PDB file of N, CA and C in Angstrom:
ATOM      1  N   UNK A   1      56.697 -14.526 -22.300  1.00  0.00           N
ATOM      2  CA  UNK A   1      56.101 -14.350 -21.498  1.00  0.00           C
ATOM      3  C   UNK A   1      55.883 -12.915 -20.712  1.00  0.00           C
ATOM      4  N   UNK A   2      55.969 -12.146 -21.262  1.00  0.00           N
ATOM      5  CA  UNK A   2      55.355 -10.806 -20.685  1.00  0.00           C
ATOM      6  C   UNK A   2      53.780 -10.451 -21.174  1.00  0.00           C
ATOM      7  N   UNK A   3      54.330 -11.255 -22.738  1.00  0.00           N
ATOM      8  CA  UNK A   3      53.029 -10.896 -23.317  1.00  0.00           C
ATOM      9  C   UNK A   3      51.757 -11.360 -22.315  1.00  0.00           C
ATOM     10  N   UNK A   4      51.628 -12.508 -22.517  1.00  0.00           N
ATOM     11  CA  UNK A   4      50.967 -13.449 -21.699  1.00  0.00           C
ATOM     12  C   UNK A   4      50.605 -13.465 -20.209  1.00  0.00           C
ATOM     13  N   UNK A   5      51.544 -12.640 -19.283  1.00  0.00           N
ATOM     14  CA  UNK A   5      50.990 -12.328 -18.026  1.00  0.00           C
ATOM     15  C   UNK A   5      49.947 -10.958 -18.009  1.00  0.00           C
ATOM     16  N   UNK A   6      50.793  -9.979 -19.111  1.00  0.00           N
ATOM     17  CA  UNK A   6      50.190  -8.667 -19.853  1.00  0.00           C
ATOM     18  C   UNK A   6      48.460  -8.778 -20.138  1.00  0.00           C
ATOM     19  N   UNK A   7      48.262 -10.106 -20.895  1.00  0.00           N
ATOM     20  CA  UNK A   7      47.070 -10.559 -21.447  1.00  0.00           C
ATOM     21  C   UNK A   7      46.105 -10.993 -20.012  1.00  0.00           C
ATOM     22  N   UNK A   8      47.103 -12.088 -19.320  1.00  0.00           N
ATOM     23  CA  UNK A   8      46.365 -12.481 -17.877  1.00  0.00           C
ATOM     24  C   UNK A   8      45.734 -11.333 -17.225  1.00  0.00           C
ATOM     25  N   UNK A   9      46.742 -10.173 -16.958  1.00  0.00           N
ATOM     26  CA  UNK A   9      46.298  -9.506 -16.087  1.00  0.00           C
ATOM     27  C   UNK A   9      45.412  -8.611 -16.718  1.00  0.00           C
ATOM     28  N   UNK A  10      44.680  -8.493 -17.577  1.00  0.00           N
ATOM     29  CA  UNK A  10      44.320  -7.134 -18.544  1.00  0.00           C
ATOM     30  C   UNK A  10      42.524  -7.913 -18.129  1.00  0.00           C
ATOM     31  N   UNK A  11      42.745  -9.522 -18.443  1.00  0.00           N
ATOM     32  CA  UNK A  11      41.573 -10.195 -18.335  1.00  0.00           C
ATOM     33  C   UNK A  11      40.825 -10.256 -17.172  1.00  0.00           C
ATOM     34  N   UNK A  12      42.045 -10.443 -16.264  1.00  0.00           N
ATOM     35  CA  UNK A  12      41.353 -10.679 -14.894  1.00  0.00           C
ATOM     36  C   UNK A  12      40.449  -9.337 -14.232  1.00  0.00           C
ATOM     37  N   UNK A  13      41.455  -8.005 -14.774  1.00  0.00           N
ATOM     38  CA  UNK A  13      41.091  -6.426 -14.408  1.00  0.00           C
ATOM     39  C   UNK A  13      39.393  -6.446 -15.337  1.00  0.00           C
ATOM     40  N   UNK A  14      39.500  -6.810 -16.452  1.00  0.00           N
ATOM     41  CA  UNK A  14      38.360  -6.402 -17.174  1.00  0.00           C
ATOM     42  C   UNK A  14      36.948  -7.271 -16.185  1.00  0.00           C
ATOM     43  N   UNK A  15      37.326  -8.643 -15.985  1.00  0.00           N
ATOM     44  CA  UNK A  15      36.218  -9.348 -15.418  1.00  0.00           C
ATOM     45  C   UNK A  15      36.017  -8.732 -13.905  1.00  0.00           C
ATOM     46  N   UNK A  16      37.253  -8.102 -13.716  1.00  0.00           N
ATOM     47  CA  UNK A  16      36.594  -7.730 -12.184  1.00  0.00           C
ATOM     48  C   UNK A  16      35.953  -6.605 -12.240  1.00  0.00           C
ATOM     49  N   UNK A  17      35.871  -5.548 -12.701  1.00  0.00           N
ATOM     50  CA  UNK A  17      35.389  -4.488 -13.400  1.00  0.00           C
ATOM     51  C   UNK A  17      34.134  -4.732 -13.826  1.00  0.00           C
ATOM     52  N   UNK A  18      33.695  -5.911 -14.820  1.00  0.00           N
ATOM     53  CA  UNK A  18      32.545  -6.629 -14.953  1.00  0.00           C
ATOM     54  C   UNK A  18      31.487  -6.903 -13.966  1.00  0.00           C
ATOM     55  N   UNK A  19      32.530  -7.454 -12.944  1.00  0.00           N
ATOM     56  CA  UNK A  19      31.551  -7.983 -12.123  1.00  0.00           C
ATOM     57  C   UNK A  19      31.132  -6.891 -10.936  1.00  0.00           C
ATOM     58  N   UNK A  20      31.576  -6.139 -10.732  1.00  0.00           N
ATOM     59  CA  UNK A  20      31.444  -5.150  -9.879  1.00  0.00           C
ATOM     60  C   UNK A  20      30.095  -3.778 -10.350  1.00  0.00           C
ATOM     61  N   UNK A  21      30.057  -3.834 -12.028  1.00  0.00           N
ATOM     62  CA  UNK A  21      29.611  -3.239 -12.236  1.00  0.00           C
ATOM     63  C   UNK A  21      28.069  -3.887 -12.497  1.00  0.00           C
ATOM     64  N   UNK A  22      28.037  -5.317 -12.668  1.00  0.00           N
ATOM     65  CA  UNK A  22      26.965  -6.205 -12.597  1.00  0.00           C
ATOM     66  C   UNK A  22      26.212  -5.754 -11.216  1.00  0.00           C
ATOM     67  N   UNK A  23      27.011  -6.386 -10.105  1.00  0.00           N
ATOM     68  CA  UNK A  23      26.610  -6.133  -8.579  1.00  0.00           C
ATOM     69  C   UNK A  23      25.765  -4.792  -8.616  1.00  0.00           C
ATOM     70  N   UNK A  24      26.211  -4.102  -9.216  1.00  0.00           N
ATOM     71  CA  UNK A  24      25.727  -2.442  -8.413  1.00  0.00           C
ATOM     72  C   UNK A  24      24.707  -2.382  -9.346  1.00  0.00           C
ATOM     73  N   UNK A  25      24.298  -2.817 -10.511  1.00  0.00           N
ATOM     74  CA  UNK A  25      23.159  -2.752 -11.080  1.00  0.00           C
ATOM     75  C   UNK A  25      22.564  -3.633 -10.863  1.00  0.00           C
ATOM     76  N   UNK A  26      22.395  -5.071 -10.039  1.00  0.00           N
ATOM     77  CA  UNK A  26      21.876  -5.463  -9.513  1.00  0.00           C
ATOM     78  C   UNK A  26      20.851  -5.302  -8.233  1.00  0.00           C
ATOM     79  N   UNK A  27      21.933  -4.516  -7.470  1.00  0.00           N
ATOM     80  CA  UNK A  27      21.558  -3.784  -6.198  1.00  0.00           C
ATOM     81  C   UNK A  27      20.597  -2.924  -6.905  1.00  0.00           C
ATOM     82  N   UNK A  28      21.251  -2.180  -7.350  1.00  0.00           N
ATOM     83  CA  UNK A  28      20.203  -0.993  -7.603  1.00  0.00           C
ATOM     84  C   UNK A  28      18.300  -1.445  -8.363  1.00  0.00           C
ATOM     85  N   UNK A  29      18.611  -2.595  -9.532  1.00  0.00           N
ATOM     86  CA  UNK A  29      17.812  -2.920  -9.854  1.00  0.00           C
ATOM     87  C   UNK A  29      16.496  -3.577  -8.626  1.00  0.00           C
ATOM     88  N   UNK A  30      17.350  -4.394  -7.242  1.00  0.00           N
ATOM     89  CA  UNK A  30      16.669  -4.870  -6.296  1.00  0.00           C
ATOM     90  C   UNK A  30      15.981  -3.980  -5.951  1.00  0.00           C
ATOM     91  N   UNK A  31      16.444  -2.727  -5.617  1.00  0.00           N
ATOM     92  CA  UNK A  31      15.904  -1.498  -4.567  1.00  0.00           C
ATOM     93  C   UNK A  31      14.944  -0.982  -5.236  1.00  0.00           C
ATOM     94  N   UNK A  32      15.092  -0.520  -6.616  1.00  0.00           N
ATOM     95  CA  UNK A  32      13.520  -0.025  -7.559  1.00  0.00           C
ATOM     96  C   UNK A  32      12.829  -1.079  -7.421  1.00  0.00           C
ATOM     97  N   UNK A  33      13.206  -2.472  -7.791  1.00  0.00           N
ATOM     98  CA  UNK A  33      11.868  -3.640  -7.490  1.00  0.00           C
ATOM     99  C   UNK A  33      11.367  -3.496  -6.089  1.00  0.00           C
ATOM    100  N   UNK A  34      11.688  -3.264  -5.469  1.00  0.00           N
ATOM    101  CA  UNK A  34      11.234  -3.668  -3.904  1.00  0.00           C
ATOM    102  C   UNK A  34      10.528  -1.998  -3.523  1.00  0.00           C
ATOM    103  N   UNK A  35      11.057  -0.974  -4.177  1.00  0.00           N
ATOM    104  CA  UNK A  35      10.605   0.134  -4.410  1.00  0.00           C
ATOM    105  C   UNK A  35       8.761   0.245  -4.635  1.00  0.00           C
ATOM    106  N   UNK A  36       8.893  -0.256  -5.584  1.00  0.00           N
ATOM    107  CA  UNK A  36       7.589  -0.574  -6.640  1.00  0.00           C
ATOM    108  C   UNK A  36       6.695  -1.415  -5.796  1.00  0.00           C
ATOM    109  N   UNK A  37       7.437  -2.502  -5.347  1.00  0.00           N
ATOM    110  CA  UNK A  37       6.263  -3.657  -4.585  1.00  0.00           C
ATOM    111  C   UNK A  37       5.573  -2.968  -3.818  1.00  0.00           C
ATOM    112  N   UNK A  38       6.558  -2.255  -2.776  1.00  0.00           N
ATOM    113  CA  UNK A  38       5.813  -1.558  -1.178  1.00  0.00           C
ATOM    114  C   UNK A  38       4.884  -0.249  -2.582  1.00  0.00           C
ATOM    115  N   UNK A  39       5.178   0.592  -3.338  1.00  0.00           N
ATOM    116  CA  UNK A  39       4.237   1.319  -3.633  1.00  0.00           C
ATOM    117  C   UNK A  39       2.863   0.531  -4.174  1.00  0.00           C
ATOM    118  N   UNK A  40       2.980  -0.802  -4.910  1.00  0.00           N
ATOM    119  CA  UNK A  40       2.228  -1.298  -5.154  1.00  0.00           C
ATOM    120  C   UNK A  40       0.892  -1.677  -3.882  1.00  0.00           C
ATOM    121  N   UNK A  41       1.667  -2.114  -3.058  1.00  0.00           N
ATOM    122  CA  UNK A  41       1.047  -2.773  -1.950  1.00  0.00           C
ATOM    123  C   UNK A  41       0.175  -1.656  -0.982  1.00  0.00           C
ATOM    124  N   UNK A  42       1.244   0.272  -0.693  1.00  0.00           N
ATOM    125  CA  UNK A  42       0.396   0.740  -0.214  1.00  0.00           C
ATOM    126  C   UNK A  42      -1.129   1.420  -0.934  1.00  0.00           C
ATOM    127  N   UNK A  43      -0.959   1.132  -2.822  1.00  0.00           N
ATOM    128  CA  UNK A  43      -2.023   1.493  -3.198  1.00  0.00           C
ATOM    129  C   UNK A  43      -3.027   0.629  -3.094  1.00  0.00           C
ATOM    130  N   UNK A  44      -2.252  -0.455  -3.058  1.00  0.00           N
ATOM    131  CA  UNK A  44      -3.903  -2.305  -2.931  1.00  0.00           C
ATOM    132  C   UNK A  44      -4.370  -1.927  -1.928  1.00  0.00           C
ATOM    133  N   UNK A  45      -3.763  -1.072  -0.679  1.00  0.00           N
ATOM    134  CA  UNK A  45      -4.367  -1.529   0.737  1.00  0.00           C
ATOM    135  C   UNK A  45      -5.481  -0.036   0.670  1.00  0.00           C
ATOM    136  N   UNK A  46      -6.904  -0.963   1.492  1.00  0.00           N
ATOM    137  CA  UNK A  46      -7.771   0.132   1.224  1.00  0.00           C
ATOM    138  C   UNK A  46      -7.577   1.038   2.040  1.00  0.00           C
ATOM    139  N   UNK A  47      -7.981   2.516   1.808  1.00  0.00           N
ATOM    140  CA  UNK A  47      -8.432   3.570   2.738  1.00  0.00           C
ATOM    141  C   UNK A  47      -8.523   3.605   3.986  1.00  0.00           C
ATOM    142  N   UNK A  48      -8.446   3.970   5.098  1.00  0.00           N
ATOM    143  CA  UNK A  48      -9.442   3.712   6.440  1.00  0.00           C
ATOM    144  C   UNK A  48     -10.681   4.360   5.883  1.00  0.00           C
ATOM    145  N   UNK A  49     -11.711   3.768   6.712  1.00  0.00           N
ATOM    146  CA  UNK A  49     -13.140   3.767   6.766  1.00  0.00           C
ATOM    147  C   UNK A  49     -13.465   4.823   7.454  1.00  0.00           C
ATOM    148  N   UNK A  50     -14.324   5.791   6.847  1.00  0.00           N
ATOM    149  CA  UNK A  50     -14.693   6.985   7.509  1.00  0.00           C
ATOM    150  C   UNK A  50     -15.584   6.481   8.855  1.00  0.00           C
ATOM    151  N   UNK A  51     -15.017   6.834  10.271  1.00  0.00           N
ATOM    152  CA  UNK A  51     -15.560   7.074  10.940  1.00  0.00           C
ATOM    153  C   UNK A  51     -17.479   7.331  11.020  1.00  0.00           C
ATOM    154  N   UNK A  52     -18.372   6.245  11.581  1.00  0.00           N
ATOM    155  CA  UNK A  52     -19.366   6.471  11.453  1.00  0.00           C
ATOM    156  C   UNK A  52     -19.967   7.439  12.162  1.00  0.00           C
ATOM    157  N   UNK A  53     -21.270   8.134  11.919  1.00  0.00           N
ATOM    158  CA  UNK A  53     -21.627   9.651  12.313  1.00  0.00           C
ATOM    159  C   UNK A  53     -21.912   9.294  13.829  1.00  0.00           C
ATOM    160  N   UNK A  54     -21.528  10.333  14.431  1.00  0.00           N
ATOM    161  CA  UNK A  54     -21.765  10.077  15.898  1.00  0.00           C
ATOM    162  C   UNK A  54     -23.193   9.856  16.401  1.00  0.00           C
ATOM    163  N   UNK A  55     -23.902   9.700  17.238  1.00  0.00           N
ATOM    164  CA  UNK A  55     -25.337   9.425  16.963  1.00  0.00           C
ATOM    165  C   UNK A  55     -25.303  11.127  17.562  1.00  0.00           C
ATOM    166  N   UNK A  56     -26.305  11.602  17.398  1.00  0.00           N
ATOM    167  CA  UNK A  56     -26.879  13.220  17.506  1.00  0.00           C
ATOM    168  C   UNK A  56     -27.719  13.567  18.725  1.00  0.00           C
ATOM    169  N   UNK A  57     -27.340  14.076  19.393  1.00  0.00           N
ATOM    170  CA  UNK A  57     -28.582  14.380  20.363  1.00  0.00           C
ATOM    171  C   UNK A  57     -29.750  14.803  19.711  1.00  0.00           C
ATOM    172  N   UNK A  58     -30.551  14.186  20.643  1.00  0.00           N
ATOM    173  CA  UNK A  58     -32.217  13.926  20.225  1.00  0.00           C
ATOM    174  C   UNK A  58     -33.078  14.785  19.614  1.00  0.00           C
ATOM    175  N   UNK A  59     -32.689  16.182  19.750  1.00  0.00           N
ATOM    176  CA  UNK A  59     -33.369  17.342  18.887  1.00  0.00           C
ATOM    177  C   UNK A  59     -33.365  17.876  17.265  1.00  0.00           C
ATOM    178  N   UNK A  60     -31.708  17.006  16.852  1.00  0.00           N
ATOM    179  CA  UNK A  60     -31.061  17.291  15.874  1.00  0.00           C
ATOM    180  C   UNK A  60     -31.819  16.637  15.181  1.00  0.00           C
ATOM    181  N   UNK A  61     -31.510  15.027  14.721  1.00  0.00           N
ATOM    182  CA  UNK A  61     -32.152  14.233  13.629  1.00  0.00           C
ATOM    183  C   UNK A  61     -32.846  13.122  14.142  1.00  0.00           C
ATOM    184  N   UNK A  62     -33.922  12.908  13.441  1.00  0.00           N
ATOM    185  CA  UNK A  62     -35.135  12.034  14.042  1.00  0.00           C
ATOM    186  C   UNK A  62     -34.184  10.515  13.873  1.00  0.00           C
ATOM    187  N   UNK A  63     -34.513   9.454  14.089  1.00  0.00           N
ATOM    188  CA  UNK A  63     -33.712   8.284  14.074  1.00  0.00           C
ATOM    189  C   UNK A  63     -33.818   7.640  12.578  1.00  0.00           C
ATOM    190  N   UNK A  64     -35.279   7.891  12.177  1.00  0.00           N
ATOM    191  CA  UNK A  64     -35.277   7.615  10.936  1.00  0.00           C
ATOM    192  C   UNK A  64     -34.153   8.267   9.677  1.00  0.00           C
ATOM    193  N   UNK A  65     -34.305   9.584   9.885  1.00  0.00           N
ATOM    194  CA  UNK A  65     -32.937  10.637   9.269  1.00  0.00           C
ATOM    195  C   UNK A  65     -32.040   9.733   9.517  1.00  0.00           C
ATOM    196  N   UNK A  66     -31.020   9.333  10.781  1.00  0.00           N
ATOM    197  CA  UNK A  66     -29.996   8.966  10.585  1.00  0.00           C
ATOM    198  C   UNK A  66     -30.264   7.462  10.289  1.00  0.00           C
ATOM    199  N   UNK A  67     -31.016   6.709  10.046  1.00  0.00           N
ATOM    200  CA  UNK A  67     -31.120   5.354   9.861  1.00  0.00           C
ATOM    201  C   UNK A  67     -30.388   5.539   8.199  1.00  0.00           C
ATOM    202  N   UNK A  68     -30.871   6.605   7.585  1.00  0.00           N
ATOM    203  CA  UNK A  68     -30.953   6.854   5.828  1.00  0.00           C
ATOM    204  C   UNK A  68     -30.188   6.984   5.925  1.00  0.00           C
ATOM    205  N   UNK A  69     -29.216   8.234   6.440  1.00  0.00           N
ATOM    206  CA  UNK A  69     -27.683   8.239   6.492  1.00  0.00           C
ATOM    207  C   UNK A  69     -27.072   7.170   6.559  1.00  0.00           C
ATOM    208  N   UNK A  70     -27.041   6.454   6.982  1.00  0.00           N
ATOM    209  CA  UNK A  70     -26.159   5.155   7.567  1.00  0.00           C
ATOM    210  C   UNK A  70     -26.593   4.432   6.349  1.00  0.00           C
ATOM    211  N   UNK A  71     -27.714   3.815   5.731  1.00  0.00           N
ATOM    212  CA  UNK A  71     -28.143   3.689   4.680  1.00  0.00           C
ATOM    213  C   UNK A  71     -27.680   3.948   3.441  1.00  0.00           C
ATOM    214  N   UNK A  72     -27.411   5.282   3.428  1.00  0.00           N
ATOM    215  CA  UNK A  72     -26.465   5.645   2.389  1.00  0.00           C
ATOM    216  C   UNK A  72     -25.136   5.827   2.310  1.00  0.00           C
ATOM    217  N   UNK A  73     -24.487   5.879   3.214  1.00  0.00           N
ATOM    218  CA  UNK A  73     -22.714   5.442   3.600  1.00  0.00           C
ATOM    219  C   UNK A  73     -22.841   4.063   2.835  1.00  0.00           C
ATOM    220  N   UNK A  74     -23.580   3.229   3.697  1.00  0.00           N
ATOM    221  CA  UNK A  74     -23.184   1.618   2.749  1.00  0.00           C
ATOM    222  C   UNK A  74     -23.391   1.022   1.428  1.00  0.00           C
ATOM    223  N   UNK A  75     -24.375   2.189   0.834  1.00  0.00           N
ATOM    224  CA  UNK A  75     -24.767   1.908  -0.412  1.00  0.00           C
ATOM    225  C   UNK A  75     -23.381   2.782  -1.165  1.00  0.00           C
ATOM    226  N   UNK A  76     -23.266   3.658  -0.614  1.00  0.00           N
ATOM    227  CA  UNK A  76     -21.425   4.739  -1.375  1.00  0.00           C
ATOM    228  C   UNK A  76     -20.244   3.786  -1.267  1.00  0.00           C
ATOM    229  N   UNK A  77     -20.503   2.723  -0.259  1.00  0.00           N
ATOM    230  CA  UNK A  77     -19.387   1.662  -0.063  1.00  0.00           C
ATOM    231  C   UNK A  77     -18.398   2.269   1.144  1.00  0.00           C
ATOM    232  N   UNK A  78     -18.834   3.246   2.003  1.00  0.00           N
ATOM    233  CA  UNK A  78     -18.285   4.062   2.648  1.00  0.00           C
ATOM    234  C   UNK A  78     -18.112   2.595   4.095  1.00  0.00           C
ATOM    235  N   UNK A  79     -19.575   2.547   4.090  1.00  0.00           N
ATOM    236  CA  UNK A  79     -19.263   1.821   5.411  1.00  0.00           C
ATOM    237  C   UNK A  79     -19.678   0.342   4.563  1.00  0.00           C
ATOM    238  N   UNK A  80     -18.825  -1.049   5.426  1.00  0.00           N
ATOM    239  CA  UNK A  80     -18.699  -1.995   5.420  1.00  0.00           C
ATOM    240  C   UNK A  80     -20.308  -2.942   5.908  1.00  0.00           C
ATOM    241  N   UNK A  81     -20.527  -3.902   5.241  1.00  0.00           N
ATOM    242  CA  UNK A  81     -22.078  -4.489   6.066  1.00  0.00           C
ATOM    243  C   UNK A  81     -21.907  -4.734   7.808  1.00  0.00           C
ATOM    244  N   UNK A  82     -20.604  -5.163   8.352  1.00  0.00           N
ATOM    245  CA  UNK A  82     -20.430  -5.211   9.426  1.00  0.00           C
ATOM    246  C   UNK A  82     -20.478  -3.986  10.516  1.00  0.00           C
ATOM    247  N   UNK A  83     -20.122  -2.753   9.744  1.00  0.00           N
ATOM    248  CA  UNK A  83     -20.180  -1.461  10.112  1.00  0.00           C
ATOM    249  C   UNK A  83     -21.713  -0.963  10.267  1.00  0.00           C
ATOM    250  N   UNK A  84     -22.122  -0.893   9.287  1.00  0.00           N
ATOM    251  CA  UNK A  84     -23.421  -1.041   9.327  1.00  0.00           C
ATOM    252  C   UNK A  84     -24.585  -1.173  10.272  1.00  0.00           C
ATOM    253  N   UNK A  85     -24.025  -2.351  10.551  1.00  0.00           N
ATOM    254  CA  UNK A  85     -24.975  -3.592  11.083  1.00  0.00           C
ATOM    255  C   UNK A  85     -24.811  -2.898  13.064  1.00  0.00           C
ATOM    256  N   UNK A  86     -23.409  -2.704  12.885  1.00  0.00           N
ATOM    257  CA  UNK A  86     -23.151  -1.868  14.071  1.00  0.00           C
ATOM    258  C   UNK A  86     -23.145  -0.754  14.843  1.00  0.00           C
ATOM    259  N   UNK A  87     -23.422   0.016  13.833  1.00  0.00           N
ATOM    260  CA  UNK A  87     -24.230   1.531  13.778  1.00  0.00           C
ATOM    261  C   UNK A  87     -25.744   1.680  13.978  1.00  0.00           C
ATOM    262  N   UNK A  88     -26.207   0.349  13.165  1.00  0.00           N
ATOM    263  CA  UNK A  88     -27.378   0.622  13.066  1.00  0.00           C
ATOM    264  C   UNK A  88     -28.206  -0.265  14.653  1.00  0.00           C
ATOM    265  N   UNK A  89     -27.527  -1.239  15.134  1.00  0.00           N
ATOM    266  CA  UNK A  89     -27.813  -1.584  16.396  1.00  0.00           C
ATOM    267  C   UNK A  89     -27.588  -0.579  17.880  1.00  0.00           C
ATOM    268  N   UNK A  90     -26.459   0.488  17.440  1.00  0.00           N
ATOM    269  CA  UNK A  90     -26.205   1.576  18.450  1.00  0.00           C
ATOM    270  C   UNK A  90     -27.220   2.424  18.421  1.00  0.00           C
ATOM    271  N   UNK A  91     -27.770   3.103  17.205  1.00  0.00           N
ATOM    272  CA  UNK A  91     -29.093   3.722  17.290  1.00  0.00           C
ATOM    273  C   UNK A  91     -30.501   3.398  17.431  1.00  0.00           C
ATOM    274  N   UNK A  92     -30.507   2.039  17.501  1.00  0.00           N
ATOM    275  CA  UNK A  92     -31.584   1.520  17.989  1.00  0.00           C
ATOM    276  C   UNK A  92     -31.647   0.484  19.305  1.00  0.00           C
ATOM    277  N   UNK A  93     -30.562   0.460  19.478  1.00  0.00           N
ATOM    278  CA  UNK A  93     -30.169   0.139  21.356  1.00  0.00           C
ATOM    279  C   UNK A  93     -29.994   0.653  22.236  1.00  0.00           C
TER     280      UNK A  93
END
């Protein structure tokens, strides 16, 4: 009987150790995956759009020059169609 008891105790110890190690590895992998997902979401999020240029005083730029600058910003993808339309309306109105 002592040999059988020793074998059962040894098996229980090995199984407990394996479970503990497995849980630790799973936890570490889960943390690593959640960190990678967070990094991917941050990389996928668009950068905040640059603020549109403020209306310049009357003597600095002509209205046409300002509209050209807005058009260039839109063509470069810095301004969206909605932002472009809003700034254009602001300049014209």
